[in-house]
Amino acid sequence: MDCQFQSFTKIGPGIISVPAEMPLPQGARSYVYARKQARSGKDEWLLALVARSGAGKAAVALANKNVRTAWAILTQGTEYNCKPRQANAA
C-alpha cells in the first residue's frame, strides 16, 4: 500500500482547514506572552512554570489546565471560582 502525506495549509481550496485543537494552545500562548505580573494563584503557577520550563511548554501546560478546568466545570455543573492573588502580609 502506497501512502503519501499531503501538506496542509491554513487556507485550503475555498475552506479554512485548521484543526479544532489549534485555538487552545494559541490562546494560551498569547496569554503567556502578555502576562507580566501575577493576578491570581493560577498566574503565579504560570509565571513560575515559564521561569522553569520556558514559554512554549508553559503555554501547552496552560492549555491543558484550561481544558481540564472546563471539563470539570461541565461535568460537575459548577461555576469557575477564580481566587485572587493573596497580598503578602508583611
N, C-alpha and C. Protein backbone atom coordinates (compact mmCIF):
# COMPACT_ATOMS: atom_id res chain seq x y z
N MET A 1 0.85 -1.17 0.00
CA MET A 1 0.00 0.00 0.00
C MET A 1 0.89 1.23 0.00
N ASP A 2 0.65 2.11 -0.93
CA ASP A 2 1.47 3.30 -1.08
C ASP A 2 0.74 4.49 -0.44
N CYS A 3 1.35 5.05 0.60
CA CYS A 3 0.76 6.21 1.28
C CYS A 3 1.63 7.42 1.04
N GLN A 4 0.99 8.52 0.75
CA GLN A 4 1.71 9.77 0.60
C GLN A 4 1.10 10.78 1.55
N PHE A 5 1.95 11.52 2.20
CA PHE A 5 1.49 12.57 3.08
C PHE A 5 1.33 13.84 2.28
N GLN A 6 0.21 14.48 2.48
CA GLN A 6 -0.03 15.74 1.82
C GLN A 6 0.20 16.86 2.80
N SER A 7 0.66 17.99 2.30
CA SER A 7 0.84 19.13 3.19
C SER A 7 -0.49 19.86 3.32
N PHE A 8 -0.72 20.39 4.49
CA PHE A 8 -1.95 21.14 4.75
C PHE A 8 -1.58 22.58 5.03
N THR A 9 -2.39 23.46 4.56
CA THR A 9 -2.21 24.88 4.86
C THR A 9 -3.43 25.36 5.61
N LYS A 10 -3.33 26.53 6.21
CA LYS A 10 -4.47 27.06 6.94
C LYS A 10 -5.60 27.44 5.98
N ILE A 11 -5.25 27.81 4.79
CA ILE A 11 -6.28 28.18 3.81
C ILE A 11 -6.20 27.18 2.66
N GLY A 12 -7.22 26.36 2.55
CA GLY A 12 -7.27 25.35 1.50
C GLY A 12 -8.09 25.85 0.32
N PRO A 13 -8.56 24.94 -0.48
CA PRO A 13 -9.35 25.33 -1.65
C PRO A 13 -10.76 25.76 -1.25
N GLY A 14 -10.92 27.01 -0.88
CA GLY A 14 -12.24 27.53 -0.54
C GLY A 14 -12.65 27.31 0.90
N ILE A 15 -11.86 26.58 1.68
CA ILE A 15 -12.20 26.35 3.09
C ILE A 15 -10.98 26.64 3.95
N ILE A 16 -11.22 26.87 5.20
CA ILE A 16 -10.12 27.04 6.14
C ILE A 16 -9.95 25.72 6.87
N SER A 17 -8.80 25.11 6.73
CA SER A 17 -8.58 23.80 7.35
C SER A 17 -7.62 23.95 8.53
N VAL A 18 -8.17 24.32 9.67
CA VAL A 18 -7.40 24.45 10.90
C VAL A 18 -7.92 23.40 11.86
N PRO A 19 -7.04 22.57 12.42
CA PRO A 19 -7.52 21.57 13.38
C PRO A 19 -8.24 22.21 14.55
N ALA A 20 -9.22 21.52 15.10
CA ALA A 20 -10.05 22.07 16.17
C ALA A 20 -9.24 22.37 17.42
N GLU A 21 -8.14 21.67 17.63
CA GLU A 21 -7.37 21.88 18.87
C GLU A 21 -6.40 23.04 18.78
N MET A 22 -6.26 23.65 17.61
CA MET A 22 -5.29 24.73 17.45
C MET A 22 -5.57 25.99 18.28
N PRO A 23 -6.82 26.47 18.42
CA PRO A 23 -7.05 27.70 19.17
C PRO A 23 -6.66 27.62 20.65
N LEU A 24 -6.69 26.43 21.24
CA LEU A 24 -6.38 26.32 22.67
C LEU A 24 -4.92 26.66 22.97
N PRO A 25 -3.94 26.04 22.33
CA PRO A 25 -2.57 26.44 22.61
C PRO A 25 -2.24 27.85 22.12
N GLN A 26 -2.89 28.29 21.05
CA GLN A 26 -2.61 29.64 20.56
C GLN A 26 -3.10 30.68 21.55
N GLY A 27 -4.29 30.48 22.10
CA GLY A 27 -4.80 31.40 23.11
C GLY A 27 -3.95 31.38 24.37
N ALA A 28 -3.53 30.19 24.78
CA ALA A 28 -2.67 30.08 25.96
C ALA A 28 -1.32 30.75 25.71
N ARG A 29 -0.80 30.60 24.50
CA ARG A 29 0.49 31.22 24.16
C ARG A 29 0.39 32.75 24.24
N SER A 30 -0.69 33.31 23.73
CA SER A 30 -0.83 34.76 23.78
C SER A 30 -0.98 35.23 25.23
N TYR A 31 -1.66 34.43 26.06
CA TYR A 31 -1.79 34.78 27.47
C TYR A 31 -0.44 34.73 28.18
N VAL A 32 0.35 33.71 27.87
CA VAL A 32 1.67 33.57 28.50
C VAL A 32 2.56 34.76 28.15
N TYR A 33 2.56 35.14 26.88
CA TYR A 33 3.44 36.24 26.48
C TYR A 33 2.94 37.60 26.96
N ALA A 34 1.64 37.73 27.21
CA ALA A 34 1.09 39.00 27.69
C ALA A 34 1.20 39.16 29.20
N ARG A 35 1.28 38.05 29.92
CA ARG A 35 1.26 38.09 31.38
C ARG A 35 2.63 38.45 31.93
N LYS A 36 2.71 39.59 32.61
CA LYS A 36 3.97 40.01 33.23
C LYS A 36 3.90 39.98 34.76
N GLN A 37 2.70 40.16 35.30
CA GLN A 37 2.51 40.13 36.75
C GLN A 37 1.39 39.15 37.08
N ALA A 38 1.52 38.53 38.24
CA ALA A 38 0.50 37.57 38.67
C ALA A 38 -0.68 38.30 39.27
N ARG A 39 -1.89 37.92 38.83
CA ARG A 39 -3.11 38.47 39.40
C ARG A 39 -3.91 37.40 40.14
N SER A 40 -3.51 36.16 39.99
CA SER A 40 -4.23 35.07 40.66
C SER A 40 -3.22 33.97 40.99
N GLY A 41 -3.70 32.97 41.72
CA GLY A 41 -2.84 31.83 42.03
C GLY A 41 -2.42 31.09 40.77
N LYS A 42 -3.32 31.03 39.78
CA LYS A 42 -3.00 30.38 38.52
C LYS A 42 -1.90 31.14 37.79
N ASP A 43 -1.92 32.46 37.87
CA ASP A 43 -0.86 33.27 37.24
C ASP A 43 0.48 33.05 37.92
N GLU A 44 0.47 32.91 39.25
CA GLU A 44 1.72 32.63 39.96
C GLU A 44 2.30 31.29 39.51
N TRP A 45 1.43 30.29 39.39
CA TRP A 45 1.86 28.98 38.90
C TRP A 45 2.44 29.11 37.50
N LEU A 46 1.76 29.88 36.65
CA LEU A 46 2.18 30.04 35.27
C LEU A 46 3.53 30.73 35.16
N LEU A 47 3.73 31.82 35.90
CA LEU A 47 5.00 32.54 35.84
C LEU A 47 6.15 31.70 36.37
N ALA A 48 5.89 30.91 37.40
CA ALA A 48 6.94 30.01 37.90
C ALA A 48 7.26 28.93 36.86
N LEU A 49 6.25 28.43 36.17
CA LEU A 49 6.46 27.43 35.14
C LEU A 49 7.23 28.00 33.95
N VAL A 50 6.93 29.23 33.57
CA VAL A 50 7.66 29.89 32.49
C VAL A 50 9.13 30.02 32.86
N ALA A 51 9.40 30.38 34.10
CA ALA A 51 10.79 30.52 34.55
C ALA A 51 11.52 29.19 34.53
N ARG A 52 10.82 28.09 34.86
CA ARG A 52 11.44 26.77 34.90
C ARG A 52 11.58 26.13 33.53
N SER A 53 10.52 26.21 32.73
CA SER A 53 10.45 25.39 31.51
C SER A 53 10.43 26.17 30.21
N GLY A 54 10.20 27.45 30.26
CA GLY A 54 10.11 28.23 29.04
C GLY A 54 8.67 28.51 28.67
N ALA A 55 8.48 29.50 27.81
CA ALA A 55 7.14 29.97 27.47
C ALA A 55 6.37 28.95 26.63
N GLY A 56 7.04 28.23 25.74
CA GLY A 56 6.34 27.28 24.88
C GLY A 56 5.72 26.13 25.65
N LYS A 57 6.50 25.52 26.53
CA LYS A 57 5.98 24.41 27.33
C LYS A 57 4.94 24.90 28.32
N ALA A 58 5.13 26.12 28.85
CA ALA A 58 4.15 26.67 29.77
C ALA A 58 2.82 26.93 29.07
N ALA A 59 2.87 27.35 27.81
CA ALA A 59 1.64 27.60 27.06
C ALA A 59 0.86 26.30 26.85
N VAL A 60 1.55 25.23 26.52
CA VAL A 60 0.88 23.94 26.34
C VAL A 60 0.32 23.45 27.67
N ALA A 61 1.05 23.64 28.75
CA ALA A 61 0.57 23.23 30.07
C ALA A 61 -0.66 24.05 30.47
N LEU A 62 -0.65 25.34 30.15
CA LEU A 62 -1.81 26.19 30.46
C LEU A 62 -3.03 25.76 29.65
N ALA A 63 -2.83 25.46 28.37
CA ALA A 63 -3.94 24.98 27.55
C ALA A 63 -4.52 23.69 28.12
N ASN A 64 -3.65 22.78 28.55
CA ASN A 64 -4.09 21.53 29.17
C ASN A 64 -4.87 21.80 30.45
N LYS A 65 -4.36 22.71 31.26
CA LYS A 65 -5.03 23.05 32.52
C LYS A 65 -6.39 23.68 32.26
N ASN A 66 -6.47 24.53 31.23
CA ASN A 66 -7.75 25.17 30.89
C ASN A 66 -8.78 24.14 30.44
N VAL A 67 -8.35 23.17 29.63
CA VAL A 67 -9.27 22.14 29.16
C VAL A 67 -9.74 21.28 30.32
N ARG A 68 -8.83 20.92 31.21
CA ARG A 68 -9.23 20.13 32.38
C ARG A 68 -10.19 20.89 33.28
N THR A 69 -9.96 22.21 33.44
CA THR A 69 -10.86 23.03 34.25
C THR A 69 -12.23 23.10 33.60
N ALA A 70 -12.27 23.33 32.28
CA ALA A 70 -13.55 23.39 31.57
C ALA A 70 -14.30 22.07 31.66
N TRP A 71 -13.57 20.97 31.52
CA TRP A 71 -14.20 19.65 31.62
C TRP A 71 -14.80 19.44 33.01
N ALA A 72 -14.08 19.83 34.04
CA ALA A 72 -14.59 19.66 35.40
C ALA A 72 -15.83 20.53 35.62
N ILE A 73 -15.82 21.74 35.10
CA ILE A 73 -16.98 22.62 35.24
C ILE A 73 -18.19 22.02 34.53
N LEU A 74 -17.99 21.52 33.32
CA LEU A 74 -19.10 20.96 32.56
C LEU A 74 -19.65 19.67 33.17
N THR A 75 -18.77 18.80 33.64
CA THR A 75 -19.24 17.52 34.16
C THR A 75 -19.81 17.63 35.56
N GLN A 76 -19.32 18.58 36.35
CA GLN A 76 -19.80 18.72 37.72
C GLN A 76 -20.90 19.75 37.86
N GLY A 77 -21.14 20.53 36.81
CA GLY A 77 -22.20 21.53 36.85
C GLY A 77 -21.94 22.67 37.82
N THR A 78 -20.68 23.05 37.95
CA THR A 78 -20.33 24.13 38.86
C THR A 78 -19.90 25.37 38.07
N GLU A 79 -19.57 26.43 38.79
CA GLU A 79 -19.08 27.65 38.17
C GLU A 79 -17.60 27.80 38.48
N TYR A 80 -16.91 28.55 37.62
CA TYR A 80 -15.49 28.79 37.84
C TYR A 80 -15.32 29.79 38.96
N ASN A 81 -14.43 29.48 39.88
CA ASN A 81 -14.18 30.36 41.02
C ASN A 81 -12.72 30.77 40.98
N CYS A 82 -12.45 31.94 40.43
CA CYS A 82 -11.10 32.45 40.37
C CYS A 82 -10.72 33.06 41.70
N LYS A 83 -9.68 32.55 42.28
CA LYS A 83 -9.23 33.09 43.56
C LYS A 83 -8.18 34.16 43.31
N PRO A 84 -8.44 35.40 43.74
CA PRO A 84 -7.46 36.45 43.53
C PRO A 84 -6.18 36.18 44.31
N ARG A 85 -5.11 36.77 43.84
CA ARG A 85 -3.80 36.58 44.46
C ARG A 85 -3.81 37.18 45.86
N GLN A 86 -3.24 36.45 46.79
CA GLN A 86 -3.16 36.91 48.17
C GLN A 86 -2.03 37.93 48.31
N ALA A 87 -2.32 39.05 48.95
CA ALA A 87 -1.28 40.04 49.20
C ALA A 87 -0.35 39.53 50.29
N ASN A 88 0.92 39.84 50.16
CA ASN A 88 1.88 39.41 51.17
C ASN A 88 1.65 40.15 52.48
N ALA A 89 1.53 39.40 53.55
CA ALA A 89 1.32 40.00 54.88
C ALA A 89 2.67 40.32 55.49
N ALA A 90 3.11 41.55 55.26
CA ALA A 90 4.42 41.92 55.79
C ALA A 90 4.34 43.16 56.61
